[in-house]
C-alpha atoms as a PDB file:
ATOM      1  CA  MET A   1      13.667  14.541  -5.432  1.00  0.00           C
ATOM      2  CA  GLN A   2       9.951  15.229  -4.955  1.00  0.00           C
ATOM      3  CA  ALA A   3       8.129  13.949  -1.903  1.00  0.00           C
ATOM      4  CA  ALA A   4       5.428  11.300  -2.171  1.00  0.00           C
ATOM      5  CA  ILE A   5       4.452  11.477   1.526  1.00  0.00           C
ATOM      6  CA  GLU A   6       5.003  14.287   4.013  1.00  0.00           C
ATOM      7  CA  LEU A   7       3.726  14.468   7.577  1.00  0.00           C
ATOM      8  CA  GLU A   8       4.015  17.646   9.659  1.00  0.00           C
ATOM      9  CA  HIS A   9       3.207  18.017  13.372  1.00  0.00           C
ATOM     10  CA  LEU A  10       0.764  15.126  13.130  1.00  0.00           C
ATOM     11  CA  LYS A  11      -1.196  14.113  16.220  1.00  0.00           C
ATOM     12  CA  PHE A  12      -3.906  11.483  16.554  1.00  0.00           C
ATOM     13  CA  GLY A  13      -5.690   9.708  19.399  1.00  0.00           C
ATOM     14  CA  TRP A  14      -8.753   7.504  19.559  1.00  0.00           C
ATOM     15  CA  LYS A  15     -10.068   9.211  22.717  1.00  0.00           C
ATOM     16  CA  PRO A  16     -10.106  12.870  23.778  1.00  0.00           C
ATOM     17  CA  GLY A  17      -7.041  13.691  25.843  1.00  0.00           C
ATOM     18  CA  GLU A  18      -5.132  10.610  24.656  1.00  0.00           C
ATOM     19  CA  THR A  19      -2.449  10.694  21.958  1.00  0.00           C
ATOM     20  CA  LEU A  20      -1.481   7.534  20.111  1.00  0.00           C
ATOM     21  CA  LEU A  21       0.640   9.201  17.438  1.00  0.00           C
ATOM     22  CA  ASP A  22       2.690  12.381  17.784  1.00  0.00           C
ATOM     23  CA  ILE A  23       4.971  12.749  14.754  1.00  0.00           C
ATOM     24  CA  ASP A  24       6.829  15.977  14.129  1.00  0.00           C
ATOM     25  CA  LYS A  25       8.036  15.299  10.593  1.00  0.00           C
ATOM     26  CA  LEU A  26       8.275  12.440   8.143  1.00  0.00           C
ATOM     27  CA  ARG A  27       9.137  12.590   4.455  1.00  0.00           C
ATOM     28  CA  VAL A  28       9.152   9.733   1.951  1.00  0.00           C
ATOM     29  CA  ASP A  29      10.483  10.555  -1.508  1.00  0.00           C
ATOM     30  CA  ARG A  30       8.873   9.419  -4.733  1.00  0.00           C
ATOM     31  CA  GLY A  31      10.079   5.971  -5.706  1.00  0.00           C
ATOM     32  CA  GLU A  32      11.490   5.266  -2.242  1.00  0.00           C
ATOM     33  CA  ARG A  33      10.948   1.890  -0.588  1.00  0.00           C
ATOM     34  CA  VAL A  34      10.438   2.333   3.149  1.00  0.00           C
ATOM     35  CA  PHE A  35      10.051  -0.273   5.892  1.00  0.00           C
ATOM     36  CA  LEU A  36       8.092   0.932   8.920  1.00  0.00           C
ATOM     37  CA  GLN A  37       8.527  -1.286  11.955  1.00  0.00           C
ATOM     38  CA  GLY A  38       6.871  -1.269  15.347  1.00  0.00           C
ATOM     39  CA  ALA A  39       5.380  -3.496  18.000  1.00  0.00           C
ATOM     40  CA  SER A  40       1.765  -4.642  17.900  1.00  0.00           C
ATOM     41  CA  GLY A  41      -0.504  -1.853  19.064  1.00  0.00           C
ATOM     42  CA  SER A  42       2.056   0.874  18.410  1.00  0.00           C
ATOM     43  CA  GLY A  43      -0.119   2.577  15.805  1.00  0.00           C
ATOM     44  CA  LYS A  44       1.323   1.268  12.530  1.00  0.00           C
ATOM     45  CA  SER A  45      -2.040   0.524  10.898  1.00  0.00           C
ATOM     46  CA  THR A  46      -3.474   3.763  12.285  1.00  0.00           C
ATOM     47  CA  LEU A  47      -0.643   5.684  10.657  1.00  0.00           C
ATOM     48  CA  LEU A  48      -1.337   3.974   7.333  1.00  0.00           C
ATOM     49  CA  ASN A  49      -5.000   4.945   7.576  1.00  0.00           C
ATOM     50  CA  LEU A  50      -3.970   8.551   8.234  1.00  0.00           C
ATOM     51  CA  ILE A  51      -1.628   8.508   5.249  1.00  0.00           C
ATOM     52  CA  GLY A  52      -4.364   6.982   3.105  1.00  0.00           C
ATOM     53  CA  GLY A  53      -6.924   9.578   4.153  1.00  0.00           C
ATOM     54  CA  VAL A  54      -9.192   7.006   5.801  1.00  0.00           C
ATOM     55  CA  LEU A  55      -8.690   8.796   9.147  1.00  0.00           C
ATOM     56  CA  GLU A  56      -8.204  12.503   9.807  1.00  0.00           C
ATOM     57  CA  PRO A  57      -5.518  13.691  12.234  1.00  0.00           C
ATOM     58  CA  ASP A  58      -6.431  15.665  15.342  1.00  0.00           C
ATOM     59  CA  ALA A  59      -3.728  18.150  14.390  1.00  0.00           C
ATOM     60  CA  GLY A  60      -1.071  18.607  11.747  1.00  0.00           C
ATOM     61  CA  GLY A  61      -0.946  17.825   8.067  1.00  0.00           C
ATOM     62  CA  VAL A  62      -0.717  14.858   5.719  1.00  0.00           C
ATOM     63  CA  HIS A  63       0.529  15.801   2.257  1.00  0.00           C
ATOM     64  CA  LEU A  64       0.565  13.259  -0.565  1.00  0.00           C
ATOM     65  CA  LEU A  65       1.984  14.110  -3.989  1.00  0.00           C
ATOM     66  CA  ASP A  66       1.826  17.818  -3.027  1.00  0.00           C
ATOM     67  CA  ILE A  67      -1.851  17.555  -2.088  1.00  0.00           C
ATOM     68  CA  THR A  68      -2.948  18.420   1.476  1.00  0.00           C
ATOM     69  CA  LEU A  69      -5.526  15.823   2.480  1.00  0.00           C
ATOM     70  CA  ARG A  70      -7.256  18.027   5.057  1.00  0.00           C
ATOM     71  CA  ALA A  71      -8.105  20.461   2.271  1.00  0.00           C
ATOM     72  CA  LEU A  72     -10.194  17.767   0.573  1.00  0.00           C
ATOM     73  CA  SER A  73     -13.740  16.697   1.384  1.00  0.00           C
ATOM     74  CA  LYS A  74     -14.377  13.071   2.319  1.00  0.00           C
ATOM     75  CA  THR A  75     -15.580  12.357  -1.223  1.00  0.00           C
ATOM     76  CA  GLN A  76     -12.496  14.018  -2.667  1.00  0.00           C
ATOM     77  CA  ARG A  77     -10.225  12.022  -0.343  1.00  0.00           C
ATOM     78  CA  ASP A  78     -11.932   8.798  -1.418  1.00  0.00           C
ATOM     79  CA  SER A  79     -11.400   9.733  -5.059  1.00  0.00           C
ATOM     80  CA  PHE A  80      -7.760  10.695  -4.435  1.00  0.00           C
ATOM     81  CA  ARG A  81      -7.129   7.401  -2.656  1.00  0.00           C
ATOM     82  CA  ALA A  82      -8.699   5.384  -5.478  1.00  0.00           C
ATOM     83  CA  ASN A  83      -6.648   7.212  -8.107  1.00  0.00           C
ATOM     84  CA  HIS A  84      -3.248   7.364  -6.441  1.00  0.00           C
ATOM     85  CA  ILE A  85      -2.890   4.695  -3.728  1.00  0.00           C
ATOM     86  CA  GLY A  86      -2.743   0.911  -3.953  1.00  0.00           C
ATOM     87  CA  PHE A  87      -3.302  -1.053  -0.737  1.00  0.00           C
ATOM     88  CA  VAL A  88      -2.083  -4.536   0.182  1.00  0.00           C
ATOM     89  CA  PHE A  89      -3.947  -5.491   3.350  1.00  0.00           C
ATOM     90  CA  GLN A  90      -2.862  -7.957   6.013  1.00  0.00           C
ATOM     91  CA  MET A  91      -5.963 -10.069   5.368  1.00  0.00           C
ATOM     92  CA  PHE A  92      -5.867  -9.229   1.624  1.00  0.00           C
ATOM     93  CA  ASN A  93      -9.571  -8.109   1.513  1.00  0.00           C
ATOM     94  CA  LEU A  94     -10.178  -9.965  -1.743  1.00  0.00           C
ATOM     95  CA  LEU A  95     -13.818 -10.346  -2.749  1.00  0.00           C
ATOM     96  CA  PRO A  96     -14.705 -14.058  -2.553  1.00  0.00           C
ATOM     97  CA  TYR A  97     -17.521 -13.827  -5.110  1.00  0.00           C
ATOM     98  CA  LEU A  98     -15.186 -12.449  -7.796  1.00  0.00           C
ATOM     99  CA  SER A  99     -12.657 -14.323  -9.894  1.00  0.00           C
ATOM    100  CA  VAL A 100      -8.917 -13.730  -9.774  1.00  0.00           C
ATOM    101  CA  LEU A 101      -9.088 -11.473 -12.831  1.00  0.00           C
ATOM    102  CA  GLU A 102     -12.110  -9.557 -11.526  1.00  0.00           C
ATOM    103  CA  ASN A 103     -10.404  -8.913  -8.183  1.00  0.00           C
ATOM    104  CA  VAL A 104      -7.303  -7.520  -9.868  1.00  0.00           C
ATOM    105  CA  THR A 105      -9.217  -5.216 -12.226  1.00  0.00           C
ATOM    106  CA  LEU A 106     -11.537  -3.931  -9.477  1.00  0.00           C
ATOM    107  CA  PRO A 107      -9.597  -0.682  -8.758  1.00  0.00           C
ATOM    108  CA  CYS A 108     -10.043   0.393 -12.383  1.00  0.00           C
ATOM    109  CA  ARG A 109     -13.814   0.313 -11.888  1.00  0.00           C
ATOM    110  CA  PHE A 110     -13.453   3.027  -9.232  1.00  0.00           C
ATOM    111  CA  SER A 111     -10.637   5.068 -10.766  1.00  0.00           C
ATOM    112  CA  HIS A 112     -10.715   6.474 -14.284  1.00  0.00           C
ATOM    113  CA  GLY A 113      -7.115   7.567 -13.842  1.00  0.00           C
ATOM    114  CA  ARG A 114      -5.819   4.094 -13.091  1.00  0.00           C
ATOM    115  CA  LYS A 115      -8.015   2.614 -15.813  1.00  0.00           C
ATOM    116  CA  ASP A 116      -6.582   5.049 -18.366  1.00  0.00           C
ATOM    117  CA  LYS A 117      -3.002   4.256 -17.322  1.00  0.00           C
ATOM    118  CA  ALA A 118      -3.653   0.517 -17.523  1.00  0.00           C
ATOM    119  CA  VAL A 119      -5.155   0.862 -20.999  1.00  0.00           C
ATOM    120  CA  LEU A 120      -2.345   3.149 -22.171  1.00  0.00           C
ATOM    121  CA  ARG A 121       0.283   0.670 -21.007  1.00  0.00           C
ATOM    122  CA  ASP A 122      -1.282  -2.634 -22.024  1.00  0.00           C
ATOM    123  CA  GLY A 123      -4.196  -1.957 -24.380  1.00  0.00           C
ATOM    124  CA  THR A 124      -6.966  -3.080 -22.015  1.00  0.00           C
ATOM    125  CA  VAL A 125      -7.493  -3.323 -18.274  1.00  0.00           C
ATOM    126  CA  GLU A 126      -7.690  -7.109 -18.561  1.00  0.00           C
ATOM    127  CA  GLU A 127      -4.377  -7.300 -20.418  1.00  0.00           C
ATOM    128  CA  SER A 128      -2.784  -5.126 -17.755  1.00  0.00           C
ATOM    129  CA  ALA A 129      -4.079  -7.469 -15.051  1.00  0.00           C
ATOM    130  CA  CYS A 130      -2.793 -10.500 -16.965  1.00  0.00           C
ATOM    131  CA  ARG A 131       0.655  -8.914 -17.325  1.00  0.00           C
ATOM    132  CA  LEU A 132       0.902  -8.326 -13.590  1.00  0.00           C
ATOM    133  CA  LEU A 133      -0.385 -11.783 -12.751  1.00  0.00           C
ATOM    134  CA  ASP A 134       2.078 -13.301 -15.194  1.00  0.00           C
ATOM    135  CA  HIS A 135       4.973 -11.465 -13.503  1.00  0.00           C
ATOM    136  CA  LEU A 136       3.679 -12.794 -10.183  1.00  0.00           C
ATOM    137  CA  GLU A 137       3.539 -16.343 -11.603  1.00  0.00           C
ATOM    138  CA  LEU A 138      -0.269 -16.464 -11.689  1.00  0.00           C
ATOM    139  CA  GLY A 139      -0.769 -15.929 -15.400  1.00  0.00           C
ATOM    140  CA  HIS A 140      -2.143 -19.379 -16.193  1.00  0.00           C
ATOM    141  CA  ASP A 141      -5.437 -19.229 -18.077  1.00  0.00           C
ATOM    142  CA  GLU A 142      -7.076 -21.750 -15.766  1.00  0.00           C
ATOM    143  CA  LEU A 143      -6.417 -19.530 -12.749  1.00  0.00           C
ATOM    144  CA  LEU A 144      -7.798 -16.274 -14.104  1.00  0.00           C
ATOM    145  CA  ARG A 145     -11.461 -17.264 -13.961  1.00  0.00           C
ATOM    146  CA  ARG A 146     -11.281 -19.208 -10.723  1.00  0.00           C
ATOM    147  CA  PRO A 147     -12.698 -17.717  -7.523  1.00  0.00           C
ATOM    148  CA  VAL A 148      -9.962 -16.430  -5.244  1.00  0.00           C
ATOM    149  CA  THR A 149     -11.195 -18.733  -2.491  1.00  0.00           C
ATOM    150  CA  ASP A 150      -9.774 -21.639  -4.512  1.00  0.00           C
ATOM    151  CA  LEU A 151      -6.243 -20.268  -4.212  1.00  0.00           C
ATOM    152  CA  SER A 152      -3.574 -20.895  -1.599  1.00  0.00           C
ATOM    153  CA  MET A 153      -2.608 -18.215   0.907  1.00  0.00           C
ATOM    154  CA  GLY A 154       0.503 -17.325  -1.070  1.00  0.00           C
ATOM    155  CA  GLN A 155      -1.445 -17.090  -4.319  1.00  0.00           C
ATOM    156  CA  GLN A 156      -4.044 -14.830  -2.705  1.00  0.00           C
ATOM    157  CA  GLN A 157      -1.275 -12.530  -1.507  1.00  0.00           C
ATOM    158  CA  ARG A 158       0.051 -12.194  -5.038  1.00  0.00           C
ATOM    159  CA  VAL A 159      -3.452 -11.430  -6.325  1.00  0.00           C
ATOM    160  CA  ALA A 160      -3.665  -8.684  -3.696  1.00  0.00           C
ATOM    161  CA  VAL A 161      -0.346  -7.253  -4.937  1.00  0.00           C
ATOM    162  CA  ALA A 162      -1.531  -7.267  -8.555  1.00  0.00           C
ATOM    163  CA  ARG A 163      -4.722  -5.472  -7.498  1.00  0.00           C
ATOM    164  CA  ALA A 164      -2.715  -2.850  -5.615  1.00  0.00           C
ATOM    165  CA  LEU A 165      -0.380  -2.247  -8.573  1.00  0.00           C
ATOM    166  CA  ILE A 166      -2.808  -2.160 -11.494  1.00  0.00           C
ATOM    167  CA  GLY A 167      -3.001   1.247 -13.093  1.00  0.00           C
ATOM    168  CA  SER A 168       0.425   2.252 -11.691  1.00  0.00           C
ATOM    169  CA  PRO A 169      -0.589   4.081  -8.488  1.00  0.00           C
ATOM    170  CA  GLU A 170       2.086   6.482  -7.293  1.00  0.00           C
ATOM    171  CA  ILE A 171       1.949   5.137  -3.726  1.00  0.00           C
ATOM    172  CA  VAL A 172       1.634   1.515  -2.565  1.00  0.00           C
ATOM    173  CA  ILE A 173       0.868   0.803   1.103  1.00  0.00           C
ATOM    174  CA  ALA A 174       1.341  -2.720   2.463  1.00  0.00           C
ATOM    175  CA  ASP A 175       0.100  -3.524   5.975  1.00  0.00           C
ATOM    176  CA  GLU A 176       1.871  -6.652   7.321  1.00  0.00           C
ATOM    177  CA  PRO A 177       1.003  -8.780   4.281  1.00  0.00           C
ATOM    178  CA  THR A 178       3.590 -11.494   5.089  1.00  0.00           C
ATOM    179  CA  SER A 179       2.510 -12.338   8.639  1.00  0.00           C
ATOM    180  CA  ALA A 180       1.123 -15.767   7.667  1.00  0.00           C
ATOM    181  CA  LEU A 181       4.045 -16.884   5.484  1.00  0.00           C
ATOM    182  CA  ASP A 182       7.075 -18.993   6.236  1.00  0.00           C
ATOM    183  CA  VAL A 183      10.522 -17.475   5.670  1.00  0.00           C
ATOM    184  CA  ASN A 184      11.067 -18.793   2.129  1.00  0.00           C
ATOM    185  CA  ASN A 185       7.644 -17.743   0.861  1.00  0.00           C
ATOM    186  CA  ARG A 186       7.940 -14.438   2.712  1.00  0.00           C
ATOM    187  CA  ASP A 187      11.216 -13.504   1.013  1.00  0.00           C
ATOM    188  CA  ARG A 188       9.911 -14.547  -2.404  1.00  0.00           C
ATOM    189  CA  PHE A 189       6.791 -12.464  -1.903  1.00  0.00           C
ATOM    190  CA  ILE A 190       8.831  -9.393  -0.881  1.00  0.00           C
ATOM    191  CA  GLU A 191      11.085  -9.721  -3.916  1.00  0.00           C
ATOM    192  CA  LEU A 192       8.071  -9.851  -6.241  1.00  0.00           C
ATOM    193  CA  LEU A 193       6.430  -6.852  -4.576  1.00  0.00           C
ATOM    194  CA  LEU A 194       9.590  -4.748  -4.719  1.00  0.00           C
ATOM    195  CA  HIS A 195      10.263  -5.728  -8.316  1.00  0.00           C
ATOM    196  CA  GLU A 196       6.783  -4.660  -9.423  1.00  0.00           C
ATOM    197  CA  CYS A 197       6.997  -1.369  -7.508  1.00  0.00           C
ATOM    198  CA  GLU A 198      10.336  -0.646  -9.170  1.00  0.00           C
ATOM    199  CA  LEU A 199       8.936  -1.382 -12.628  1.00  0.00           C
ATOM    200  CA  GLN A 200       6.004   0.949 -12.025  1.00  0.00           C
ATOM    201  CA  GLU A 201       8.082   3.577 -10.164  1.00  0.00           C
ATOM    202  CA  SER A 202       5.711   3.382  -7.207  1.00  0.00           C
ATOM    203  CA  THR A 203       6.624   4.591  -3.722  1.00  0.00           C
ATOM    204  CA  LEU A 204       6.285   1.736  -1.231  1.00  0.00           C
ATOM    205  CA  MET A 205       5.410   2.089   2.454  1.00  0.00           C
ATOM    206  CA  PHE A 206       5.677  -1.396   3.939  1.00  0.00           C
ATOM    207  CA  VAL A 207       4.646  -2.008   7.536  1.00  0.00           C
ATOM    208  CA  SER A 208       5.727  -5.003   9.616  1.00  0.00           C
ATOM    209  CA  HIS A 209       7.083  -6.007  13.010  1.00  0.00           C
ATOM    210  CA  ASP A 210       9.480  -8.492  11.337  1.00  0.00           C
ATOM    211  CA  PRO A 211      13.088  -7.172  11.429  1.00  0.00           C
ATOM    212  CA  GLY A 212      14.188  -9.951   9.089  1.00  0.00           C
ATOM    213  CA  LEU A 213      12.895  -7.883   6.165  1.00  0.00           C
ATOM    214  CA  HIS A 214      15.078  -4.806   6.718  1.00  0.00           C
ATOM    215  CA  ASP A 215      17.654  -5.548   4.050  1.00  0.00           C
ATOM    216  CA  HIS A 216      15.109  -5.460   1.250  1.00  0.00           C
ATOM    217  CA  PHE A 217      14.331  -1.749   1.704  1.00  0.00           C
ATOM    218  CA  ASP A 218      15.980   1.610   1.074  1.00  0.00           C
ATOM    219  CA  ARG A 219      15.230   2.868   4.583  1.00  0.00           C
ATOM    220  CA  VAL A 220      13.964   1.498   7.887  1.00  0.00           C
ATOM    221  CA  ILE A 221      11.877   3.681  10.225  1.00  0.00           C
ATOM    222  CA  ASP A 222      11.141   2.652  13.793  1.00  0.00           C
ATOM    223  CA  LEU A 223       7.716   3.996  14.740  1.00  0.00           C
ATOM    224  CA  HIS A 224       8.562   4.033  18.436  1.00  0.00           C
ATOM    225  CA  HIS A 225      11.523   6.328  17.798  1.00  0.00           C
ATOM    226  CA  LEU A 226       9.616   8.468  15.311  1.00  0.00           C
ATOM    227  CA  ASN A 227       6.567   8.748  17.538  1.00  0.00           C
ATOM    228  CA  GLN A 228       8.273   9.333  20.876  1.00  0.00           C
ATOM    229  CA  ASN A 229      11.038  11.675  19.786  1.00  0.00           C
ATOM    230  CA  GLY A 230       9.457  13.421  16.805  1.00  0.00           C
ATOM    231  CA  SER A 231      12.767  13.110  14.985  1.00  0.00           C
ATOM    232  CA  LYS A 232      13.110  14.325  11.445  1.00  0.00           C
ATOM    233  CA  LEU A 233      14.032  11.309   9.350  1.00  0.00           C
END
């Protein structure tokens, strides 16, 4: 099995002389669905930003799909992220001045690779977006052209998932996207996300402090254990 994500001897701190993250090794295989748990302030979101190439480590390496991020320039990292990583943010980060359909297709405006994969699979980028939205129970014609601000919280979360998945990115990163949902809506949302990742053969790194989600994932990693002990998982 090939690795999607590999970390080696990674260290990061926000201030000189301080270390927030000290991770000896971590490997996530392609297609694996991983739940990363940890308390608030433990560095979960920071780790995601390091994996996504938004931040650079103070030491060590981040390797995604056999590419070493530190070997890339900032522009190259931005391009790599746009082409290969889909993000589901805690606050969704949808653009309020765009419609549902425009929000979902947005990644294909920045990534020729994801645009080409969407077109190859569904004929057009718009049809690919509609397929995803339909699977996520948002495929009604009247919803597609509405501004995302007209949608409920749960609907906005599903739009964010469709945006992350369009163009079949190899890696999907979700940063506590269920924190505002009740248990029933939370579980339904997780099932939809996992189903879409499985269909697209995407690796999923899902971050939360909610242990009630463990059973949905292939593997659970505790950041406190990983960070403090540097264990090889």
